[in-house]
């Protein structure tokens, strides 16, 4: 399984950016594909997840209403559209996946148990 994240960069607060995650090696539509981020000195945070065959999406409270996750099954690519960016969104963003079709755990929390990760892409939001 391989995941390749791209699209990071420098953007002003209030601006937008779109990240891409190209996925290979698993059944794309039936697999949970998630975006995580990690800011300096902070723990990794799961922010968005999608299982396209189930039309299932999950967002963290920190990005809900500003970020949108979407998939293009023909390209085996997941996107993260990030709008209304804030300085606190500055982080390295990673995409991850696994042979699971659930974005949630049995206790309905974000599924952090994904074992395949791509290299991160840095997003810097200037205020």
C-alpha atoms as a PDB file:
ATOM      1  CA  UNK A   1       0.000   0.000   0.000  1.00  0.00           C
ATOM      2  CA  UNK A   2       1.337   3.414  -0.934  1.00  0.00           C
ATOM      3  CA  UNK A   3      -0.009   6.865  -0.232  1.00  0.00           C
ATOM      4  CA  UNK A   4       1.432  10.094  -1.580  1.00  0.00           C
ATOM      5  CA  UNK A   5       0.260  13.413  -0.185  1.00  0.00           C
ATOM      6  CA  UNK A   6       0.852  16.666  -2.014  1.00  0.00           C
ATOM      7  CA  UNK A   7      -0.419  20.210  -2.276  1.00  0.00           C
ATOM      8  CA  UNK A   8       0.939  21.837   0.842  1.00  0.00           C
ATOM      9  CA  UNK A   9       2.377  25.322   0.871  1.00  0.00           C
ATOM     10  CA  UNK A  10       2.225  28.790   2.340  1.00  0.00           C
ATOM     11  CA  UNK A  11      -1.121  30.596   2.438  1.00  0.00           C
ATOM     12  CA  UNK A  12      -2.460  33.648   4.213  1.00  0.00           C
ATOM     13  CA  UNK A  13      -5.064  33.352   6.923  1.00  0.00           C
ATOM     14  CA  UNK A  14      -8.529  33.211   5.413  1.00  0.00           C
ATOM     15  CA  UNK A  15      -7.223  31.603   2.254  1.00  0.00           C
ATOM     16  CA  UNK A  16      -7.726  28.164   0.761  1.00  0.00           C
ATOM     17  CA  UNK A  17      -5.598  25.202  -0.194  1.00  0.00           C
ATOM     18  CA  UNK A  18      -6.331  21.756  -1.608  1.00  0.00           C
ATOM     19  CA  UNK A  19      -4.347  18.703  -0.636  1.00  0.00           C
ATOM     20  CA  UNK A  20      -4.256  15.503  -2.667  1.00  0.00           C
ATOM     21  CA  UNK A  21      -3.546  11.940  -1.610  1.00  0.00           C
ATOM     22  CA  UNK A  22      -2.841   9.371  -4.315  1.00  0.00           C
ATOM     23  CA  UNK A  23      -3.482   5.833  -3.104  1.00  0.00           C
ATOM     24  CA  UNK A  24      -2.433   2.468  -4.501  1.00  0.00           C
ATOM     25  CA  UNK A  25      -2.363  -1.110  -3.305  1.00  0.00           C
ATOM     26  CA  UNK A  26      -5.788  -1.472  -1.736  1.00  0.00           C
ATOM     27  CA  UNK A  27      -9.454  -1.443  -2.731  1.00  0.00           C
ATOM     28  CA  UNK A  28      -9.835   2.293  -2.944  1.00  0.00           C
ATOM     29  CA  UNK A  29     -13.596   2.738  -2.704  1.00  0.00           C
ATOM     30  CA  UNK A  30     -14.069   0.350   0.204  1.00  0.00           C
ATOM     31  CA  UNK A  31     -11.149   1.557   2.328  1.00  0.00           C
ATOM     32  CA  UNK A  32     -11.106   4.274   4.937  1.00  0.00           C
ATOM     33  CA  UNK A  33      -8.750   7.023   3.824  1.00  0.00           C
ATOM     34  CA  UNK A  34      -8.047   9.711   6.364  1.00  0.00           C
ATOM     35  CA  UNK A  35      -6.193  12.959   6.783  1.00  0.00           C
ATOM     36  CA  UNK A  36      -4.211  13.639   9.936  1.00  0.00           C
ATOM     37  CA  UNK A  37      -2.088  16.584  10.925  1.00  0.00           C
ATOM     38  CA  UNK A  38       0.610  17.274  13.450  1.00  0.00           C
ATOM     39  CA  UNK A  39       1.665  20.724  14.527  1.00  0.00           C
ATOM     40  CA  UNK A  40       5.012  21.350  16.248  1.00  0.00           C
ATOM     41  CA  UNK A  41       4.849  20.263  19.868  1.00  0.00           C
ATOM     42  CA  UNK A  42       1.362  18.837  19.518  1.00  0.00           C
ATOM     43  CA  UNK A  43      -0.098  15.378  19.192  1.00  0.00           C
ATOM     44  CA  UNK A  44      -1.207  14.008  15.871  1.00  0.00           C
ATOM     45  CA  UNK A  45      -4.838  14.841  15.160  1.00  0.00           C
ATOM     46  CA  UNK A  46      -7.259  12.987  12.915  1.00  0.00           C
ATOM     47  CA  UNK A  47      -9.230  15.596  10.995  1.00  0.00           C
ATOM     48  CA  UNK A  48     -11.129  13.976   8.126  1.00  0.00           C
ATOM     49  CA  UNK A  49     -11.895  10.522   6.812  1.00  0.00           C
ATOM     50  CA  UNK A  50     -13.837   9.059   3.914  1.00  0.00           C
ATOM     51  CA  UNK A  51     -15.074   5.692   2.697  1.00  0.00           C
ATOM     52  CA  UNK A  52     -16.355   6.529  -0.747  1.00  0.00           C
ATOM     53  CA  UNK A  53     -18.365   3.359  -1.418  1.00  0.00           C
ATOM     54  CA  UNK A  54     -20.356   3.979   1.771  1.00  0.00           C
ATOM     55  CA  UNK A  55     -20.594   7.727   1.164  1.00  0.00           C
ATOM     56  CA  UNK A  56     -19.292   8.057   4.716  1.00  0.00           C
ATOM     57  CA  UNK A  57     -17.299  11.053   5.904  1.00  0.00           C
ATOM     58  CA  UNK A  58     -16.071  12.072   9.342  1.00  0.00           C
ATOM     59  CA  UNK A  59     -14.626  15.403  10.459  1.00  0.00           C
ATOM     60  CA  UNK A  60     -13.031  16.608  13.642  1.00  0.00           C
ATOM     61  CA  UNK A  61     -14.689  19.537  15.367  1.00  0.00           C
ATOM     62  CA  UNK A  62     -11.611  21.645  14.654  1.00  0.00           C
ATOM     63  CA  UNK A  63     -12.167  21.572  10.871  1.00  0.00           C
ATOM     64  CA  UNK A  64     -15.881  20.850  10.488  1.00  0.00           C
ATOM     65  CA  UNK A  65     -17.513  23.433   8.262  1.00  0.00           C
ATOM     66  CA  UNK A  66     -14.186  24.633   6.812  1.00  0.00           C
ATOM     67  CA  UNK A  67     -12.600  21.514   5.339  1.00  0.00           C
ATOM     68  CA  UNK A  68     -14.146  19.060   2.885  1.00  0.00           C
ATOM     69  CA  UNK A  69     -12.866  15.594   2.068  1.00  0.00           C
ATOM     70  CA  UNK A  70     -13.735  14.086  -1.294  1.00  0.00           C
ATOM     71  CA  UNK A  71     -12.594  11.213  -3.471  1.00  0.00           C
ATOM     72  CA  UNK A  72     -12.096  10.573  -7.156  1.00  0.00           C
ATOM     73  CA  UNK A  73     -12.388   6.821  -7.565  1.00  0.00           C
ATOM     74  CA  UNK A  74     -11.232   6.954 -11.181  1.00  0.00           C
ATOM     75  CA  UNK A  75      -7.946   8.495 -10.059  1.00  0.00           C
ATOM     76  CA  UNK A  76      -7.648   6.665  -6.716  1.00  0.00           C
ATOM     77  CA  UNK A  77      -7.147  10.048  -5.140  1.00  0.00           C
ATOM     78  CA  UNK A  78      -8.597  11.694  -2.059  1.00  0.00           C
ATOM     79  CA  UNK A  79      -8.680  15.464  -1.703  1.00  0.00           C
ATOM     80  CA  UNK A  80      -8.869  17.752   1.284  1.00  0.00           C
ATOM     81  CA  UNK A  81     -10.257  21.160   0.404  1.00  0.00           C
ATOM     82  CA  UNK A  82      -9.295  23.576   3.148  1.00  0.00           C
ATOM     83  CA  UNK A  83     -11.077  26.925   3.320  1.00  0.00           C
ATOM     84  CA  UNK A  84     -11.018  29.784   5.821  1.00  0.00           C
ATOM     85  CA  UNK A  85      -7.582  28.723   6.964  1.00  0.00           C
ATOM     86  CA  UNK A  86      -6.324  29.866  10.340  1.00  0.00           C
ATOM     87  CA  UNK A  87      -2.831  30.098  11.772  1.00  0.00           C
ATOM     88  CA  UNK A  88      -3.646  27.158  14.024  1.00  0.00           C
ATOM     89  CA  UNK A  89      -4.079  24.998  10.919  1.00  0.00           C
ATOM     90  CA  UNK A  90      -0.323  25.187  10.379  1.00  0.00           C
ATOM     91  CA  UNK A  91       0.955  21.612  10.522  1.00  0.00           C
ATOM     92  CA  UNK A  92       2.342  18.722   8.564  1.00  0.00           C
ATOM     93  CA  UNK A  93      -0.584  16.942   6.943  1.00  0.00           C
ATOM     94  CA  UNK A  94      -0.562  13.201   6.334  1.00  0.00           C
ATOM     95  CA  UNK A  95      -2.935  10.800   4.622  1.00  0.00           C
ATOM     96  CA  UNK A  96      -3.378   7.286   5.903  1.00  0.00           C
ATOM     97  CA  UNK A  97      -5.366   4.166   5.149  1.00  0.00           C
ATOM     98  CA  UNK A  98      -5.764   0.492   5.916  1.00  0.00           C
ATOM     99  CA  UNK A  99      -7.816  -2.567   5.034  1.00  0.00           C
ATOM    100  CA  UNK A 100     -10.833  -1.272   6.888  1.00  0.00           C
ATOM    101  CA  UNK A 101     -14.050   0.286   5.701  1.00  0.00           C
ATOM    102  CA  UNK A 102     -14.730   2.284   8.838  1.00  0.00           C
ATOM    103  CA  UNK A 103     -13.764   5.826   9.708  1.00  0.00           C
ATOM    104  CA  UNK A 104     -14.981   5.288  13.254  1.00  0.00           C
ATOM    105  CA  UNK A 105     -14.115   2.916  16.052  1.00  0.00           C
ATOM    106  CA  UNK A 106     -16.733   0.821  17.835  1.00  0.00           C
ATOM    107  CA  UNK A 107     -17.017   3.642  20.368  1.00  0.00           C
ATOM    108  CA  UNK A 108     -17.785   6.050  17.507  1.00  0.00           C
ATOM    109  CA  UNK A 109     -14.551   7.968  17.800  1.00  0.00           C
ATOM    110  CA  UNK A 110     -12.130   8.759  14.973  1.00  0.00           C
ATOM    111  CA  UNK A 111     -10.300   5.696  13.728  1.00  0.00           C
ATOM    112  CA  UNK A 112      -6.620   6.230  14.561  1.00  0.00           C
ATOM    113  CA  UNK A 113      -5.795   2.597  13.878  1.00  0.00           C
ATOM    114  CA  UNK A 114      -4.693   3.022  10.263  1.00  0.00           C
ATOM    115  CA  UNK A 115      -1.335   1.460   9.512  1.00  0.00           C
ATOM    116  CA  UNK A 116      -0.374   2.773   6.099  1.00  0.00           C
ATOM    117  CA  UNK A 117       0.910   6.316   5.910  1.00  0.00           C
ATOM    118  CA  UNK A 118       2.253   8.603   3.268  1.00  0.00           C
ATOM    119  CA  UNK A 119       4.929  11.226   3.743  1.00  0.00           C
ATOM    120  CA  UNK A 120       3.543  14.476   5.013  1.00  0.00           C
ATOM    121  CA  UNK A 121       3.040  17.761   3.257  1.00  0.00           C
ATOM    122  CA  UNK A 122       3.601  21.011   5.127  1.00  0.00           C
ATOM    123  CA  UNK A 123       0.857  23.609   5.342  1.00  0.00           C
ATOM    124  CA  UNK A 124       1.840  26.992   6.725  1.00  0.00           C
ATOM    125  CA  UNK A 125      -0.821  29.623   7.362  1.00  0.00           C
ATOM    126  CA  UNK A 126       0.495  33.122   7.920  1.00  0.00           C
ATOM    127  CA  UNK A 127      -1.517  35.578   9.992  1.00  0.00           C
END
